[in-house]
């Protein structure tokens, strides 16, 4: 099977079985999603969705968050991973967002990365989810699933994975493909014990077929 055929199979499968895949983070606007994605680093979406409602009720705008102190913000997010760093990131992000972007979350990857706490992955999420741009955020799930299936077999870094996915997925499917791969990694293609028996793409999955062949006598 060629790489093109593998990509076609995977895209066709998810188009049928998860056509409306979307972020599991709760948000109502770009600012809220930005806060949520910053908090989600190495933390579950479930936990973030518990934390963000009271946080955003207290600080509904970037200006409100900018004017809050570190000590004000910390209690709202103390249950997420790395709360000390994320508290600083949130306040720093809000300050730059107000001072340099007039409180408007930018849609440009490079400008987004000027915000504290926003790396390339987070910038790609915002550009894709909020602004529907053809950007591919590569988190641990996307990185793992892409390598296992054989979509980015030789990629050694998230950036290399991003480039290969961008080159091979038709532009109109790139935003939703990000969610296809994340959700597949979150619920089926688990890191330690992938649920291959529940997976609909084992036919083209290099990991599955290598495992099957290695178990033969």
Protein backbone atom coordinates (compact mmCIF):
# COMPACT_ATOMS: atom_id res chain seq x y z
CA UNK A 1 0.00 0.00 0.00
CA UNK A 2 1.29 3.45 -0.91
CA UNK A 3 1.27 6.36 1.50
CA UNK A 4 -1.31 8.10 -0.71
CA UNK A 5 -3.61 5.08 -0.49
CA UNK A 6 -3.17 4.93 3.29
CA UNK A 7 -4.06 8.60 3.69
CA UNK A 8 -7.11 8.18 1.46
CA UNK A 9 -8.33 5.19 3.47
CA UNK A 10 -7.90 6.99 6.81
CA UNK A 11 -9.59 10.18 5.61
CA UNK A 12 -12.49 8.27 4.06
CA UNK A 13 -12.95 6.26 7.26
CA UNK A 14 -13.11 9.28 9.55
CA UNK A 15 -15.32 11.23 7.13
CA UNK A 16 -17.92 8.50 7.65
CA UNK A 17 -17.34 7.58 11.31
CA UNK A 18 -16.52 10.96 12.87
CA UNK A 19 -17.49 13.67 10.37
CA UNK A 20 -18.13 16.37 12.97
CA UNK A 21 -15.08 15.83 15.17
CA UNK A 22 -14.37 18.91 17.28
CA UNK A 23 -12.48 20.09 20.34
CA UNK A 24 -13.69 18.70 23.66
CA UNK A 25 -12.72 21.92 25.42
CA UNK A 26 -15.64 24.16 26.33
CA UNK A 27 -15.47 27.73 25.06
CA UNK A 28 -17.60 30.48 23.56
CA UNK A 29 -15.00 32.73 21.92
CA UNK A 30 -11.35 32.91 20.92
CA UNK A 31 -10.20 34.33 24.26
CA UNK A 32 -11.90 31.53 26.19
CA UNK A 33 -10.41 28.85 23.97
CA UNK A 34 -6.97 30.42 24.30
CA UNK A 35 -7.23 30.26 28.09
CA UNK A 36 -8.44 26.66 27.92
CA UNK A 37 -5.69 25.49 25.56
CA UNK A 38 -2.98 27.08 27.70
CA UNK A 39 -4.39 25.24 30.71
CA UNK A 40 -4.71 21.97 28.80
CA UNK A 41 -0.97 21.39 28.37
CA UNK A 42 -0.26 18.00 29.99
CA UNK A 43 -3.70 18.12 31.58
CA UNK A 44 -7.00 16.48 30.65
CA UNK A 45 -9.73 18.39 28.88
CA UNK A 46 -12.14 17.14 31.55
CA UNK A 47 -10.14 18.85 34.28
CA UNK A 48 -9.77 22.04 32.24
CA UNK A 49 -13.52 22.15 31.60
CA UNK A 50 -14.06 22.03 35.37
CA UNK A 51 -11.64 24.88 35.98
CA UNK A 52 -12.50 27.36 33.22
CA UNK A 53 -16.12 28.32 34.09
CA UNK A 54 -15.33 29.97 37.45
CA UNK A 55 -12.06 31.38 36.11
CA UNK A 56 -13.74 32.98 33.10
CA UNK A 57 -16.64 34.20 35.18
CA UNK A 58 -14.15 36.06 37.37
CA UNK A 59 -12.09 37.29 34.39
CA UNK A 60 -14.43 37.43 31.38
CA UNK A 61 -12.13 39.61 29.25
CA UNK A 62 -8.38 39.82 28.61
CA UNK A 63 -8.37 43.17 30.41
CA UNK A 64 -9.86 41.60 33.53
CA UNK A 65 -7.25 38.85 33.47
CA UNK A 66 -4.43 41.32 32.86
CA UNK A 67 -5.46 43.37 35.89
CA UNK A 68 -5.63 40.33 38.17
CA UNK A 69 -2.64 39.43 40.30
CA UNK A 70 -0.84 36.12 40.29
CA UNK A 71 -2.29 35.45 43.74
CA UNK A 72 -5.78 36.20 42.44
CA UNK A 73 -5.55 33.78 39.50
CA UNK A 74 -3.77 30.86 41.13
CA UNK A 75 -6.65 29.55 43.31
CA UNK A 76 -8.84 29.12 40.22
CA UNK A 77 -6.36 26.85 38.43
CA UNK A 78 -4.49 25.16 41.27
CA UNK A 79 -5.95 21.76 40.35
CA UNK A 80 -4.45 21.69 36.85
CA UNK A 81 -0.93 20.50 36.07
CA UNK A 82 1.86 23.05 36.58
CA UNK A 83 -0.42 25.74 38.05
CA UNK A 84 2.40 28.11 38.99
CA UNK A 85 3.73 28.37 35.44
CA UNK A 86 0.26 28.48 33.91
CA UNK A 87 -0.79 31.29 36.23
CA UNK A 88 2.14 33.35 34.95
CA UNK A 89 1.35 32.37 31.36
CA UNK A 90 -2.29 33.45 31.69
CA UNK A 91 -1.45 36.83 33.13
CA UNK A 92 1.35 37.35 30.61
CA UNK A 93 -0.87 36.28 27.72
CA UNK A 94 -3.62 38.67 28.78
CA UNK A 95 -1.15 41.54 29.18
CA UNK A 96 0.31 41.11 25.69
CA UNK A 97 -3.13 40.51 24.20
CA UNK A 98 -4.40 43.81 25.62
CA UNK A 99 -1.28 45.89 25.08
CA UNK A 100 -0.24 44.67 21.62
CA UNK A 101 -3.39 43.24 20.05
CA UNK A 102 -6.16 45.42 21.46
CA UNK A 103 -7.65 42.37 23.21
CA UNK A 104 -8.26 40.60 19.88
CA UNK A 105 -6.83 37.09 19.61
CA UNK A 106 -4.75 37.09 16.40
CA UNK A 107 -5.33 34.54 13.66
CA UNK A 108 -1.70 34.45 12.56
CA UNK A 109 0.56 31.64 13.81
CA UNK A 110 3.58 33.89 14.29
CA UNK A 111 1.63 36.58 16.13
CA UNK A 112 -0.07 34.03 18.35
CA UNK A 113 3.32 32.71 19.42
CA UNK A 114 4.18 36.16 20.77
CA UNK A 115 1.72 35.47 23.59
CA UNK A 116 3.24 33.94 26.75
CA UNK A 117 2.28 30.30 27.13
CA UNK A 118 1.53 29.92 23.43
CA UNK A 119 3.80 27.61 21.47
CA UNK A 120 3.35 26.36 17.94
CA UNK A 121 0.87 23.64 18.93
CA UNK A 122 -1.40 26.07 20.78
CA UNK A 123 -1.14 28.62 17.98
CA UNK A 124 -2.16 25.98 15.45
CA UNK A 125 -5.15 24.99 17.59
CA UNK A 126 -6.42 28.57 17.78
CA UNK A 127 -5.87 29.25 14.08
CA UNK A 128 -7.61 26.02 13.13
CA UNK A 129 -10.49 25.83 15.60
CA UNK A 130 -11.39 29.51 15.83
CA UNK A 131 -10.38 30.81 12.42
CA UNK A 132 -10.78 27.59 10.39
CA UNK A 133 -7.31 27.89 8.90
CA UNK A 134 -5.57 24.82 7.46
CA UNK A 135 -3.12 24.36 10.34
CA UNK A 136 -2.23 21.08 12.05
CA UNK A 137 -1.56 21.07 15.77
CA UNK A 138 0.56 18.08 16.77
CA UNK A 139 0.19 16.99 20.37
CA UNK A 140 1.27 13.68 21.87
CA UNK A 141 -1.83 11.91 20.50
CA UNK A 142 -1.38 13.16 16.94
CA UNK A 143 2.34 12.40 17.04
CA UNK A 144 1.78 8.84 18.28
CA UNK A 145 -1.19 7.98 16.05
CA UNK A 146 0.42 9.40 12.91
CA UNK A 147 3.54 7.29 13.42
CA UNK A 148 1.63 4.13 14.30
CA UNK A 149 -0.73 4.24 11.36
CA UNK A 150 2.06 5.11 8.96
CA UNK A 151 1.06 8.64 8.07
CA UNK A 152 4.32 10.11 9.35
CA UNK A 153 6.53 7.09 9.92
CA UNK A 154 9.90 8.82 9.65
CA UNK A 155 8.97 11.96 11.57
CA UNK A 156 11.12 12.42 14.65
CA UNK A 157 9.61 15.67 15.91
CA UNK A 158 6.15 17.25 16.10
CA UNK A 159 7.18 19.77 13.45
CA UNK A 160 8.23 17.03 11.02
CA UNK A 161 4.91 15.27 11.70
CA UNK A 162 3.02 18.50 11.10
CA UNK A 163 4.74 19.04 7.77
CA UNK A 164 4.04 15.50 6.54
CA UNK A 165 0.38 15.66 7.54
CA UNK A 166 -0.01 19.06 5.90
CA UNK A 167 1.56 17.78 2.69
CA UNK A 168 -0.68 14.73 2.42
CA UNK A 169 -4.08 15.76 3.79
CA UNK A 170 -6.26 17.84 1.44
CA UNK A 171 -6.50 21.39 2.74
CA UNK A 172 -10.25 21.27 3.34
CA UNK A 173 -9.83 18.36 5.76
CA UNK A 174 -6.83 19.59 7.74
CA UNK A 175 -8.79 21.37 10.53
CA UNK A 176 -11.04 18.38 11.23
CA UNK A 177 -8.22 15.86 10.70
CA UNK A 178 -6.50 17.38 13.73
CA UNK A 179 -9.50 16.30 15.83
CA UNK A 180 -9.81 12.93 14.12
CA UNK A 181 -6.29 12.00 15.16
CA UNK A 182 -6.52 13.45 18.67
CA UNK A 183 -9.78 11.69 19.47
CA UNK A 184 -8.58 8.43 17.95
CA UNK A 185 -5.49 8.62 20.14
CA UNK A 186 -7.49 9.57 23.20
CA UNK A 187 -10.09 6.80 23.00
CA UNK A 188 -8.83 4.02 20.71
CA UNK A 189 -5.12 4.20 19.88
CA UNK A 190 -4.03 4.51 23.50
CA UNK A 191 -0.36 4.90 24.34
CA UNK A 192 0.10 1.75 26.41
CA UNK A 193 -2.75 -0.53 25.42
CA UNK A 194 -4.20 0.46 22.06
CA UNK A 195 -7.69 -0.93 21.48
CA UNK A 196 -6.91 -2.44 18.10
CA UNK A 197 -9.96 -4.71 18.34
CA UNK A 198 -12.15 -1.57 18.29
CA UNK A 199 -10.23 0.20 15.54
CA UNK A 200 -11.66 0.55 12.06
CA UNK A 201 -8.39 1.32 10.32
CA UNK A 202 -6.29 -1.71 11.24
CA UNK A 203 -6.33 -2.75 7.58
CA UNK A 204 -3.91 0.05 6.76
CA UNK A 205 -2.21 0.50 10.14
CA UNK A 206 1.48 -0.33 10.04
CA UNK A 207 1.66 -0.83 13.82
CA UNK A 208 -1.20 -3.34 13.83
CA UNK A 209 0.08 -5.29 10.85
CA UNK A 210 3.62 -5.43 12.19
CA UNK A 211 2.29 -6.70 15.51
CA UNK A 212 0.10 -9.28 13.76
CA UNK A 213 2.97 -10.54 11.62
CA UNK A 214 5.36 -10.75 14.56
CA UNK A 215 2.91 -12.97 16.46
CA UNK A 216 2.75 -15.54 13.70
CA UNK A 217 4.62 -18.82 14.39
